[in-house]
């Protein structure tokens, strides 16, 4: 497509697997997505194929194909990888990210921090998870104008050795902000709850603070 020639081939690579792979294989391929969402998110294959048959529209942060009341959106990091696992949602829906997406962003971030990324390609350079600070970081609505703390100090989780992804909880805060809480351990038997504050950035949910 004009302006983003890599978009259609990257989506086509995924679409080929959509019609040929089972859910488990597609879940493994789409590791940037929460594993529990794949079966439902990609369930209506005929409707998805109808949508992606339409011309794509190159937006600010994603390329979107729409048709038959459904939209399929591929983020730029997915397109750049050559294999674009897209979000699928009703056409016209402005916020299609879920609590599972927020939780998965934290799991991916902690997996990197503990030396066990969900995929060997999951590095910040290619798949950004830290909020870029394009707008003031103000989750509590105090009028703050600073940058996300994790952007200023992305290595503050160096002491964490393990975490319990299954115990993660997601709490809405304000607007696009949410907090994800889960137990982390320093490897000496000391465990404590850690809270991550996230917002929505160019690549979906991003992490801005950890306490």
C-alpha atoms as a PDB file:
ATOM      1  CA  UNK A   1       0.000   0.000   0.000  1.00  0.00           C
ATOM      2  CA  UNK A   2       1.231   3.551  -0.688  1.00  0.00           C
ATOM      3  CA  UNK A   3       3.213   4.955   2.222  1.00  0.00           C
ATOM      4  CA  UNK A   4       3.772   1.597   3.918  1.00  0.00           C
ATOM      5  CA  UNK A   5       4.665  -1.096   1.385  1.00  0.00           C
ATOM      6  CA  UNK A   6       5.653  -3.579   4.109  1.00  0.00           C
ATOM      7  CA  UNK A   7       2.167  -3.626   5.658  1.00  0.00           C
ATOM      8  CA  UNK A   8       0.330  -5.895   3.222  1.00  0.00           C
ATOM      9  CA  UNK A   9       3.037  -8.613   3.052  1.00  0.00           C
ATOM     10  CA  UNK A  10       3.387  -8.655   6.852  1.00  0.00           C
ATOM     11  CA  UNK A  11      -0.357  -9.054   7.301  1.00  0.00           C
ATOM     12  CA  UNK A  12      -0.525 -11.659   4.525  1.00  0.00           C
ATOM     13  CA  UNK A  13       2.080 -13.787   6.314  1.00  0.00           C
ATOM     14  CA  UNK A  14      -0.140 -13.838   9.400  1.00  0.00           C
ATOM     15  CA  UNK A  15      -3.344 -14.369   7.385  1.00  0.00           C
ATOM     16  CA  UNK A  16      -1.842 -17.467   5.763  1.00  0.00           C
ATOM     17  CA  UNK A  17      -1.323 -18.968   9.205  1.00  0.00           C
ATOM     18  CA  UNK A  18      -4.751 -17.795  10.364  1.00  0.00           C
ATOM     19  CA  UNK A  19      -6.408 -20.176   7.918  1.00  0.00           C
ATOM     20  CA  UNK A  20      -3.906 -23.025   8.213  1.00  0.00           C
ATOM     21  CA  UNK A  21      -2.734 -23.254  11.838  1.00  0.00           C
ATOM     22  CA  UNK A  22      -4.573 -24.430  14.931  1.00  0.00           C
ATOM     23  CA  UNK A  23      -5.058 -22.109  17.911  1.00  0.00           C
ATOM     24  CA  UNK A  24      -1.980 -23.342  19.786  1.00  0.00           C
ATOM     25  CA  UNK A  25       0.319 -22.788  16.824  1.00  0.00           C
ATOM     26  CA  UNK A  26      -1.157 -19.357  16.127  1.00  0.00           C
ATOM     27  CA  UNK A  27      -0.758 -18.458  19.804  1.00  0.00           C
ATOM     28  CA  UNK A  28       2.925 -19.355  19.616  1.00  0.00           C
ATOM     29  CA  UNK A  29       3.330 -17.276  16.472  1.00  0.00           C
ATOM     30  CA  UNK A  30       1.540 -14.273  17.968  1.00  0.00           C
ATOM     31  CA  UNK A  31       3.551 -14.034  21.186  1.00  0.00           C
ATOM     32  CA  UNK A  32       3.034 -10.264  21.390  1.00  0.00           C
ATOM     33  CA  UNK A  33      -0.627 -10.971  22.135  1.00  0.00           C
ATOM     34  CA  UNK A  34      -2.004 -12.359  25.426  1.00  0.00           C
ATOM     35  CA  UNK A  35      -2.215 -16.143  24.892  1.00  0.00           C
ATOM     36  CA  UNK A  36      -5.683 -16.316  26.436  1.00  0.00           C
ATOM     37  CA  UNK A  37      -7.121 -13.904  23.859  1.00  0.00           C
ATOM     38  CA  UNK A  38      -6.035 -15.542  20.607  1.00  0.00           C
ATOM     39  CA  UNK A  39      -8.876 -18.048  20.257  1.00  0.00           C
ATOM     40  CA  UNK A  40     -11.538 -15.372  20.705  1.00  0.00           C
ATOM     41  CA  UNK A  41      -9.746 -12.477  19.007  1.00  0.00           C
ATOM     42  CA  UNK A  42      -9.155 -14.435  15.807  1.00  0.00           C
ATOM     43  CA  UNK A  43     -12.250 -16.647  15.925  1.00  0.00           C
ATOM     44  CA  UNK A  44     -14.262 -15.190  13.027  1.00  0.00           C
ATOM     45  CA  UNK A  45     -11.932 -16.085  10.183  1.00  0.00           C
ATOM     46  CA  UNK A  46     -14.373 -15.334   7.309  1.00  0.00           C
ATOM     47  CA  UNK A  47     -15.111 -11.857   8.702  1.00  0.00           C
ATOM     48  CA  UNK A  48     -11.407 -11.149   9.175  1.00  0.00           C
ATOM     49  CA  UNK A  49     -10.635 -12.210   5.606  1.00  0.00           C
ATOM     50  CA  UNK A  50     -13.411  -9.936   4.353  1.00  0.00           C
ATOM     51  CA  UNK A  51     -11.991  -6.989   6.282  1.00  0.00           C
ATOM     52  CA  UNK A  52      -8.407  -7.434   5.099  1.00  0.00           C
ATOM     53  CA  UNK A  53      -9.540  -7.721   1.485  1.00  0.00           C
ATOM     54  CA  UNK A  54     -10.305  -3.989   1.654  1.00  0.00           C
ATOM     55  CA  UNK A  55      -7.572  -1.388   1.071  1.00  0.00           C
ATOM     56  CA  UNK A  56      -5.519  -0.611   4.160  1.00  0.00           C
ATOM     57  CA  UNK A  57      -5.443   2.863   5.678  1.00  0.00           C
ATOM     58  CA  UNK A  58      -2.089   4.037   7.030  1.00  0.00           C
ATOM     59  CA  UNK A  59      -2.805   5.844  10.290  1.00  0.00           C
ATOM     60  CA  UNK A  60      -0.565   7.506  12.855  1.00  0.00           C
ATOM     61  CA  UNK A  61       0.376   4.340  14.728  1.00  0.00           C
ATOM     62  CA  UNK A  62      -1.061   1.445  12.728  1.00  0.00           C
ATOM     63  CA  UNK A  63      -2.359   0.314   9.377  1.00  0.00           C
ATOM     64  CA  UNK A  64      -6.043  -0.605   9.490  1.00  0.00           C
ATOM     65  CA  UNK A  65      -8.186  -2.655   7.133  1.00  0.00           C
ATOM     66  CA  UNK A  66     -11.965  -2.425   7.529  1.00  0.00           C
ATOM     67  CA  UNK A  67     -14.917  -4.184   5.966  1.00  0.00           C
ATOM     68  CA  UNK A  68     -18.138  -5.904   6.924  1.00  0.00           C
ATOM     69  CA  UNK A  69     -18.321  -4.044  10.229  1.00  0.00           C
ATOM     70  CA  UNK A  70     -14.907  -5.283  11.372  1.00  0.00           C
ATOM     71  CA  UNK A  71     -11.496  -3.612  11.581  1.00  0.00           C
ATOM     72  CA  UNK A  72      -8.077  -5.270  11.609  1.00  0.00           C
ATOM     73  CA  UNK A  73      -5.183  -3.077  12.799  1.00  0.00           C
ATOM     74  CA  UNK A  74      -1.470  -3.900  12.635  1.00  0.00           C
ATOM     75  CA  UNK A  75       0.962  -1.832  14.724  1.00  0.00           C
ATOM     76  CA  UNK A  76       4.183  -0.568  13.210  1.00  0.00           C
ATOM     77  CA  UNK A  77       6.407  -2.893  15.248  1.00  0.00           C
ATOM     78  CA  UNK A  78       4.398  -5.860  13.986  1.00  0.00           C
ATOM     79  CA  UNK A  79       4.684  -4.692  10.388  1.00  0.00           C
ATOM     80  CA  UNK A  80       8.427  -4.105  10.737  1.00  0.00           C
ATOM     81  CA  UNK A  81       8.869  -7.693  11.949  1.00  0.00           C
ATOM     82  CA  UNK A  82       7.470  -9.042   8.687  1.00  0.00           C
ATOM     83  CA  UNK A  83       4.747 -10.982  10.515  1.00  0.00           C
ATOM     84  CA  UNK A  84       1.935  -8.750  11.743  1.00  0.00           C
ATOM     85  CA  UNK A  85      -0.379 -10.180  14.401  1.00  0.00           C
ATOM     86  CA  UNK A  86      -3.162  -7.594  14.370  1.00  0.00           C
ATOM     87  CA  UNK A  87      -5.876  -6.412  16.704  1.00  0.00           C
ATOM     88  CA  UNK A  88      -9.394  -7.282  15.542  1.00  0.00           C
ATOM     89  CA  UNK A  89     -12.350  -5.205  16.726  1.00  0.00           C
ATOM     90  CA  UNK A  90     -15.717  -3.770  15.649  1.00  0.00           C
ATOM     91  CA  UNK A  91     -15.286  -0.996  13.091  1.00  0.00           C
ATOM     92  CA  UNK A  92     -15.445   2.429  14.693  1.00  0.00           C
ATOM     93  CA  UNK A  93     -14.355   1.273  18.152  1.00  0.00           C
ATOM     94  CA  UNK A  94     -11.754   3.757  19.380  1.00  0.00           C
ATOM     95  CA  UNK A  95     -10.192   1.796  22.253  1.00  0.00           C
ATOM     96  CA  UNK A  96      -9.798  -1.902  21.554  1.00  0.00           C
ATOM     97  CA  UNK A  97      -7.144  -2.677  24.167  1.00  0.00           C
ATOM     98  CA  UNK A  98      -8.153  -4.928  27.058  1.00  0.00           C
ATOM     99  CA  UNK A  99      -7.039  -5.659  30.609  1.00  0.00           C
ATOM    100  CA  UNK A 100      -5.377  -8.798  29.248  1.00  0.00           C
ATOM    101  CA  UNK A 101      -3.289  -6.636  26.907  1.00  0.00           C
ATOM    102  CA  UNK A 102      -2.126  -4.515  29.854  1.00  0.00           C
ATOM    103  CA  UNK A 103      -1.237  -7.567  31.923  1.00  0.00           C
ATOM    104  CA  UNK A 104       0.631  -9.167  29.016  1.00  0.00           C
ATOM    105  CA  UNK A 105       2.726  -6.024  28.527  1.00  0.00           C
ATOM    106  CA  UNK A 106       3.875  -6.315  32.149  1.00  0.00           C
ATOM    107  CA  UNK A 107       4.550 -10.043  31.799  1.00  0.00           C
ATOM    108  CA  UNK A 108       6.663  -9.414  28.707  1.00  0.00           C
ATOM    109  CA  UNK A 109       8.568  -6.616  30.448  1.00  0.00           C
ATOM    110  CA  UNK A 110       9.293  -8.706  33.533  1.00  0.00           C
ATOM    111  CA  UNK A 111      10.198 -11.702  31.393  1.00  0.00           C
ATOM    112  CA  UNK A 112      12.856  -9.585  29.724  1.00  0.00           C
ATOM    113  CA  UNK A 113      14.062  -8.227  33.077  1.00  0.00           C
ATOM    114  CA  UNK A 114      14.476 -11.728  34.505  1.00  0.00           C
ATOM    115  CA  UNK A 115      16.340 -13.016  31.460  1.00  0.00           C
ATOM    116  CA  UNK A 116      13.513 -15.175  30.124  1.00  0.00           C
ATOM    117  CA  UNK A 117      11.776 -13.177  27.367  1.00  0.00           C
ATOM    118  CA  UNK A 118       8.593 -14.661  25.945  1.00  0.00           C
ATOM    119  CA  UNK A 119      10.436 -14.705  22.609  1.00  0.00           C
ATOM    120  CA  UNK A 120      14.096 -14.160  21.768  1.00  0.00           C
ATOM    121  CA  UNK A 121      13.099 -11.289  19.472  1.00  0.00           C
ATOM    122  CA  UNK A 122      11.248  -9.468  22.252  1.00  0.00           C
ATOM    123  CA  UNK A 123      13.659  -6.610  22.905  1.00  0.00           C
ATOM    124  CA  UNK A 124      12.891  -2.944  23.539  1.00  0.00           C
ATOM    125  CA  UNK A 125      14.550  -1.798  20.327  1.00  0.00           C
ATOM    126  CA  UNK A 126      12.080  -3.662  18.130  1.00  0.00           C
ATOM    127  CA  UNK A 127       9.058  -4.000  20.438  1.00  0.00           C
ATOM    128  CA  UNK A 128       8.889  -0.936  22.728  1.00  0.00           C
ATOM    129  CA  UNK A 129       7.130  -1.502  26.064  1.00  0.00           C
ATOM    130  CA  UNK A 130       8.287   1.616  27.937  1.00  0.00           C
ATOM    131  CA  UNK A 131       6.083   4.667  27.415  1.00  0.00           C
ATOM    132  CA  UNK A 132       7.855   7.178  25.142  1.00  0.00           C
ATOM    133  CA  UNK A 133       6.649  10.262  27.014  1.00  0.00           C
ATOM    134  CA  UNK A 134       4.938  11.861  24.044  1.00  0.00           C
ATOM    135  CA  UNK A 135       2.502  13.462  26.489  1.00  0.00           C
ATOM    136  CA  UNK A 136       2.866  14.450  30.181  1.00  0.00           C
ATOM    137  CA  UNK A 137       2.867  11.496  32.593  1.00  0.00           C
ATOM    138  CA  UNK A 138      -0.042  12.211  34.935  1.00  0.00           C
ATOM    139  CA  UNK A 139      -1.902   9.031  35.975  1.00  0.00           C
ATOM    140  CA  UNK A 140      -3.425  10.597  39.086  1.00  0.00           C
ATOM    141  CA  UNK A 141      -4.652  13.779  37.433  1.00  0.00           C
ATOM    142  CA  UNK A 142      -2.529  16.121  39.561  1.00  0.00           C
ATOM    143  CA  UNK A 143      -1.422  18.279  36.656  1.00  0.00           C
ATOM    144  CA  UNK A 144       2.045  16.730  36.532  1.00  0.00           C
ATOM    145  CA  UNK A 145       4.070  17.476  33.410  1.00  0.00           C
ATOM    146  CA  UNK A 146       7.038  15.115  33.729  1.00  0.00           C
ATOM    147  CA  UNK A 147       8.242  12.065  31.843  1.00  0.00           C
ATOM    148  CA  UNK A 148       7.338   8.453  32.717  1.00  0.00           C
ATOM    149  CA  UNK A 149       9.671   7.299  35.535  1.00  0.00           C
ATOM    150  CA  UNK A 150      10.508   4.066  33.706  1.00  0.00           C
ATOM    151  CA  UNK A 151      11.637   6.054  30.685  1.00  0.00           C
ATOM    152  CA  UNK A 152      14.019   7.989  32.928  1.00  0.00           C
ATOM    153  CA  UNK A 153      15.296   4.830  34.659  1.00  0.00           C
ATOM    154  CA  UNK A 154      14.466   1.688  32.648  1.00  0.00           C
ATOM    155  CA  UNK A 155      16.833  -0.502  34.698  1.00  0.00           C
ATOM    156  CA  UNK A 156      15.182  -0.082  38.087  1.00  0.00           C
ATOM    157  CA  UNK A 157      13.915  -3.686  38.075  1.00  0.00           C
ATOM    158  CA  UNK A 158      17.387  -5.235  37.948  1.00  0.00           C
ATOM    159  CA  UNK A 159      16.966  -7.042  41.294  1.00  0.00           C
ATOM    160  CA  UNK A 160      13.858  -8.976  40.311  1.00  0.00           C
ATOM    161  CA  UNK A 161      14.472 -12.667  39.650  1.00  0.00           C
ATOM    162  CA  UNK A 162      10.952 -14.097  39.318  1.00  0.00           C
ATOM    163  CA  UNK A 163       7.277 -13.143  39.294  1.00  0.00           C
ATOM    164  CA  UNK A 164       3.837 -14.733  39.384  1.00  0.00           C
ATOM    165  CA  UNK A 165       2.050 -13.851  36.150  1.00  0.00           C
ATOM    166  CA  UNK A 166      -1.046 -15.846  37.100  1.00  0.00           C
ATOM    167  CA  UNK A 167      -1.614 -13.605  40.135  1.00  0.00           C
ATOM    168  CA  UNK A 168      -1.679 -10.353  38.144  1.00  0.00           C
ATOM    169  CA  UNK A 169      -4.620  -8.000  38.682  1.00  0.00           C
ATOM    170  CA  UNK A 170      -5.553  -4.987  36.557  1.00  0.00           C
ATOM    171  CA  UNK A 171      -7.189  -1.862  38.004  1.00  0.00           C
ATOM    172  CA  UNK A 172      -8.429   1.117  35.947  1.00  0.00           C
ATOM    173  CA  UNK A 173      -7.028   4.452  37.138  1.00  0.00           C
ATOM    174  CA  UNK A 174      -8.043   7.365  34.919  1.00  0.00           C
ATOM    175  CA  UNK A 175      -8.546   7.706  31.188  1.00  0.00           C
ATOM    176  CA  UNK A 176      -6.121   5.340  29.465  1.00  0.00           C
ATOM    177  CA  UNK A 177      -4.158   4.688  32.659  1.00  0.00           C
ATOM    178  CA  UNK A 178      -4.342   1.304  34.407  1.00  0.00           C
ATOM    179  CA  UNK A 179      -2.351  -0.373  37.167  1.00  0.00           C
ATOM    180  CA  UNK A 180      -1.173  -3.974  37.051  1.00  0.00           C
ATOM    181  CA  UNK A 181      -0.171  -5.569  40.360  1.00  0.00           C
ATOM    182  CA  UNK A 182       1.573  -8.916  40.792  1.00  0.00           C
ATOM    183  CA  UNK A 183       4.021 -10.608  43.191  1.00  0.00           C
ATOM    184  CA  UNK A 184       7.741 -10.379  42.415  1.00  0.00           C
ATOM    185  CA  UNK A 185      10.728 -12.005  44.127  1.00  0.00           C
ATOM    186  CA  UNK A 186      14.386 -11.050  44.450  1.00  0.00           C
ATOM    187  CA  UNK A 187      15.508 -14.663  44.405  1.00  0.00           C
ATOM    188  CA  UNK A 188      16.305 -14.915  48.128  1.00  0.00           C
ATOM    189  CA  UNK A 189      12.805 -15.850  49.183  1.00  0.00           C
ATOM    190  CA  UNK A 190      11.710 -12.246  49.599  1.00  0.00           C
ATOM    191  CA  UNK A 191       8.460 -11.633  47.736  1.00  0.00           C
ATOM    192  CA  UNK A 192       6.397  -8.470  47.532  1.00  0.00           C
ATOM    193  CA  UNK A 193       3.624  -7.031  45.392  1.00  0.00           C
ATOM    194  CA  UNK A 194       4.832  -4.707  42.651  1.00  0.00           C
ATOM    195  CA  UNK A 195       2.563  -2.211  40.956  1.00  0.00           C
ATOM    196  CA  UNK A 196       3.033  -1.056  37.378  1.00  0.00           C
ATOM    197  CA  UNK A 197       1.250   1.956  35.941  1.00  0.00           C
ATOM    198  CA  UNK A 198       0.533   1.795  32.225  1.00  0.00           C
ATOM    199  CA  UNK A 199      -0.996   3.985  29.567  1.00  0.00           C
ATOM    200  CA  UNK A 200      -1.649   3.578  25.857  1.00  0.00           C
ATOM    201  CA  UNK A 201       1.124   4.624  23.504  1.00  0.00           C
ATOM    202  CA  UNK A 202       2.014   4.147  19.838  1.00  0.00           C
ATOM    203  CA  UNK A 203       2.492   0.387  20.318  1.00  0.00           C
ATOM    204  CA  UNK A 204      -0.460  -0.254  22.621  1.00  0.00           C
ATOM    205  CA  UNK A 205      -0.177  -0.530  26.389  1.00  0.00           C
ATOM    206  CA  UNK A 206       3.176   0.757  27.645  1.00  0.00           C
ATOM    207  CA  UNK A 207       4.748   0.844  31.097  1.00  0.00           C
ATOM    208  CA  UNK A 208       5.445   4.207  32.685  1.00  0.00           C
ATOM    209  CA  UNK A 209       6.104   3.524  36.366  1.00  0.00           C
ATOM    210  CA  UNK A 210       6.862   0.676  38.771  1.00  0.00           C
ATOM    211  CA  UNK A 211       6.593   0.822  42.560  1.00  0.00           C
END
